[in-house]
N, C-alpha and C. Protein backbone atom coordinates (compact mmCIF):
# COMPACT_ATOMS: atom_id res chain seq x y z
N MET A 1 -35.91 -29.85 -18.46
CA MET A 1 -36.23 -30.36 -19.78
C MET A 1 -37.45 -31.27 -19.74
N THR A 2 -37.72 -31.89 -18.64
CA THR A 2 -38.86 -32.80 -18.58
C THR A 2 -40.18 -32.08 -18.36
N GLU A 3 -40.17 -30.78 -18.07
CA GLU A 3 -41.41 -30.04 -17.88
C GLU A 3 -42.05 -29.68 -19.22
N ALA A 4 -41.27 -29.42 -20.24
CA ALA A 4 -41.79 -28.96 -21.53
C ALA A 4 -42.80 -29.93 -22.15
N PRO A 5 -42.57 -31.24 -22.16
CA PRO A 5 -43.54 -32.13 -22.80
C PRO A 5 -44.91 -32.12 -22.14
N ALA A 6 -45.01 -31.66 -20.91
CA ALA A 6 -46.29 -31.66 -20.21
C ALA A 6 -47.29 -30.70 -20.84
N ASP A 7 -46.82 -29.60 -21.44
CA ASP A 7 -47.75 -28.62 -21.98
C ASP A 7 -47.37 -28.11 -23.37
N THR A 8 -46.46 -28.79 -24.04
CA THR A 8 -46.00 -28.34 -25.35
C THR A 8 -46.17 -29.46 -26.36
N ARG A 9 -46.79 -29.16 -27.49
CA ARG A 9 -47.07 -30.18 -28.51
C ARG A 9 -45.81 -30.63 -29.25
N ALA A 10 -44.92 -29.69 -29.52
CA ALA A 10 -43.69 -30.03 -30.26
C ALA A 10 -42.50 -29.35 -29.60
N ILE A 11 -41.40 -30.07 -29.54
CA ILE A 11 -40.18 -29.54 -28.95
C ILE A 11 -39.06 -29.74 -29.96
N VAL A 12 -38.29 -28.69 -30.19
CA VAL A 12 -37.15 -28.76 -31.10
C VAL A 12 -35.88 -28.81 -30.27
N VAL A 13 -35.03 -29.78 -30.57
CA VAL A 13 -33.72 -29.87 -29.93
C VAL A 13 -32.71 -29.50 -31.01
N ASN A 14 -32.01 -28.41 -30.80
CA ASN A 14 -31.09 -27.88 -31.81
C ASN A 14 -29.72 -27.68 -31.17
N GLY A 15 -28.67 -27.95 -31.91
CA GLY A 15 -27.34 -27.73 -31.38
C GLY A 15 -26.27 -28.25 -32.33
N ALA A 16 -25.06 -28.16 -31.88
CA ALA A 16 -23.91 -28.58 -32.68
C ALA A 16 -23.96 -30.09 -32.95
N ARG A 17 -23.15 -30.52 -33.89
CA ARG A 17 -23.10 -31.94 -34.24
C ARG A 17 -22.48 -32.76 -33.11
N GLN A 18 -23.01 -33.94 -32.93
CA GLN A 18 -22.47 -34.95 -32.02
C GLN A 18 -22.31 -34.48 -30.57
N VAL A 19 -23.35 -33.81 -30.07
CA VAL A 19 -23.32 -33.38 -28.67
C VAL A 19 -24.37 -34.11 -27.82
N GLY A 20 -25.13 -35.03 -28.45
CA GLY A 20 -26.10 -35.81 -27.68
C GLY A 20 -27.55 -35.41 -27.86
N LYS A 21 -27.88 -34.69 -28.92
CA LYS A 21 -29.27 -34.28 -29.14
C LYS A 21 -30.20 -35.47 -29.29
N ARG A 22 -29.81 -36.43 -30.10
CA ARG A 22 -30.65 -37.61 -30.35
C ARG A 22 -30.76 -38.45 -29.07
N ALA A 23 -29.69 -38.60 -28.34
CA ALA A 23 -29.72 -39.35 -27.08
C ALA A 23 -30.65 -38.67 -26.08
N LEU A 24 -30.60 -37.35 -26.02
CA LEU A 24 -31.49 -36.59 -25.13
C LEU A 24 -32.95 -36.80 -25.54
N ALA A 25 -33.22 -36.71 -26.82
CA ALA A 25 -34.60 -36.91 -27.30
C ALA A 25 -35.09 -38.32 -26.96
N LYS A 26 -34.25 -39.31 -27.17
CA LYS A 26 -34.64 -40.69 -26.84
C LYS A 26 -34.88 -40.87 -25.34
N MET A 27 -34.07 -40.22 -24.53
CA MET A 27 -34.24 -40.31 -23.09
C MET A 27 -35.60 -39.71 -22.67
N ILE A 28 -35.93 -38.57 -23.24
CA ILE A 28 -37.19 -37.91 -22.88
C ILE A 28 -38.39 -38.67 -23.41
N THR A 29 -38.36 -39.04 -24.69
CA THR A 29 -39.51 -39.75 -25.25
C THR A 29 -39.66 -41.14 -24.65
N GLY A 30 -38.59 -41.71 -24.17
CA GLY A 30 -38.68 -43.01 -23.51
C GLY A 30 -39.49 -42.97 -22.23
N ARG A 31 -39.58 -41.80 -21.63
CA ARG A 31 -40.34 -41.63 -20.39
C ARG A 31 -41.81 -41.27 -20.64
N LEU A 32 -42.15 -40.97 -21.89
CA LEU A 32 -43.50 -40.52 -22.22
C LEU A 32 -44.12 -41.52 -23.18
N PRO A 33 -45.12 -42.25 -22.74
CA PRO A 33 -45.65 -43.35 -23.55
C PRO A 33 -46.22 -42.93 -24.90
N ASP A 34 -46.77 -41.75 -25.04
CA ASP A 34 -47.40 -41.34 -26.29
C ASP A 34 -46.51 -40.42 -27.14
N ALA A 35 -45.28 -40.20 -26.72
CA ALA A 35 -44.38 -39.31 -27.45
C ALA A 35 -43.77 -40.02 -28.64
N ARG A 36 -43.35 -39.23 -29.62
CA ARG A 36 -42.62 -39.79 -30.74
C ARG A 36 -41.53 -38.82 -31.16
N GLU A 37 -40.53 -39.36 -31.80
CA GLU A 37 -39.39 -38.56 -32.25
C GLU A 37 -39.44 -38.45 -33.77
N LEU A 38 -39.15 -37.25 -34.26
CA LEU A 38 -39.05 -37.02 -35.70
C LEU A 38 -37.73 -36.32 -35.96
N TYR A 39 -37.01 -36.78 -36.97
CA TYR A 39 -35.70 -36.22 -37.27
C TYR A 39 -35.69 -35.63 -38.68
N LEU A 40 -35.18 -34.42 -38.80
CA LEU A 40 -35.16 -33.75 -40.09
C LEU A 40 -34.13 -34.32 -41.05
N ASP A 41 -33.24 -35.19 -40.59
CA ASP A 41 -32.29 -35.81 -41.51
C ASP A 41 -32.93 -36.98 -42.27
N ASP A 42 -34.13 -37.37 -41.90
CA ASP A 42 -34.91 -38.34 -42.67
C ASP A 42 -35.68 -37.53 -43.72
N PRO A 43 -35.44 -37.71 -45.01
CA PRO A 43 -36.06 -36.88 -46.05
C PRO A 43 -37.59 -36.85 -46.00
N ALA A 44 -38.22 -37.88 -45.48
CA ALA A 44 -39.68 -37.89 -45.40
C ALA A 44 -40.21 -36.89 -44.39
N THR A 45 -39.44 -36.59 -43.37
CA THR A 45 -39.92 -35.69 -42.31
C THR A 45 -40.05 -34.25 -42.80
N PRO A 46 -39.02 -33.64 -43.42
CA PRO A 46 -39.22 -32.28 -43.93
C PRO A 46 -40.31 -32.20 -45.00
N ALA A 47 -40.42 -33.25 -45.82
CA ALA A 47 -41.47 -33.26 -46.84
C ALA A 47 -42.85 -33.27 -46.19
N ALA A 48 -43.01 -34.08 -45.15
CA ALA A 48 -44.29 -34.12 -44.43
C ALA A 48 -44.57 -32.79 -43.74
N ALA A 49 -43.54 -32.15 -43.22
CA ALA A 49 -43.71 -30.85 -42.56
C ALA A 49 -44.17 -29.79 -43.56
N ARG A 50 -43.63 -29.83 -44.76
CA ARG A 50 -44.06 -28.87 -45.79
C ARG A 50 -45.48 -29.15 -46.26
N ASP A 51 -45.79 -30.43 -46.45
CA ASP A 51 -47.10 -30.80 -47.01
C ASP A 51 -48.24 -30.66 -46.00
N ASP A 52 -47.99 -31.03 -44.76
CA ASP A 52 -49.06 -31.03 -43.75
C ASP A 52 -48.45 -30.82 -42.36
N PRO A 53 -48.05 -29.58 -42.03
CA PRO A 53 -47.38 -29.37 -40.74
C PRO A 53 -48.24 -29.74 -39.54
N ARG A 54 -49.53 -29.47 -39.59
CA ARG A 54 -50.39 -29.83 -38.46
C ARG A 54 -50.49 -31.35 -38.32
N GLY A 55 -50.64 -32.01 -39.42
CA GLY A 55 -50.73 -33.47 -39.39
C GLY A 55 -49.45 -34.12 -38.88
N LEU A 56 -48.35 -33.47 -39.11
CA LEU A 56 -47.06 -34.01 -38.66
C LEU A 56 -46.99 -34.09 -37.14
N VAL A 57 -47.47 -33.06 -36.46
CA VAL A 57 -47.37 -33.05 -35.00
C VAL A 57 -48.63 -33.54 -34.30
N HIS A 58 -49.71 -33.73 -35.04
CA HIS A 58 -50.95 -34.20 -34.40
C HIS A 58 -50.95 -35.73 -34.36
N HIS A 59 -51.15 -36.26 -33.21
CA HIS A 59 -51.31 -37.70 -33.04
C HIS A 59 -51.99 -37.93 -31.71
N ASP A 60 -52.49 -39.10 -31.51
CA ASP A 60 -53.14 -39.42 -30.24
C ASP A 60 -52.08 -39.42 -29.15
N GLY A 61 -52.29 -38.63 -28.15
CA GLY A 61 -51.33 -38.58 -27.05
C GLY A 61 -50.97 -37.19 -26.66
C-alpha cells in the first residue's frame, strides 16, 4: 500500500463501513509530508470534484 503514493496522484480507499479505511488513509498520509486526505462524506468534497476535478487533486507535492 505504501508504493502507490510514489507514482499515483490520487488513491481511492473503498470498502465496507467501519473497517479502518480512514485510519489507513491517515496512517499513509501521515508518512507523506505533501499528501492530503479528502473524504466524500464532507459535502464540499463531492461538489468540488464535480466543479473542478483536476483542481481537486492538483496541489503542490
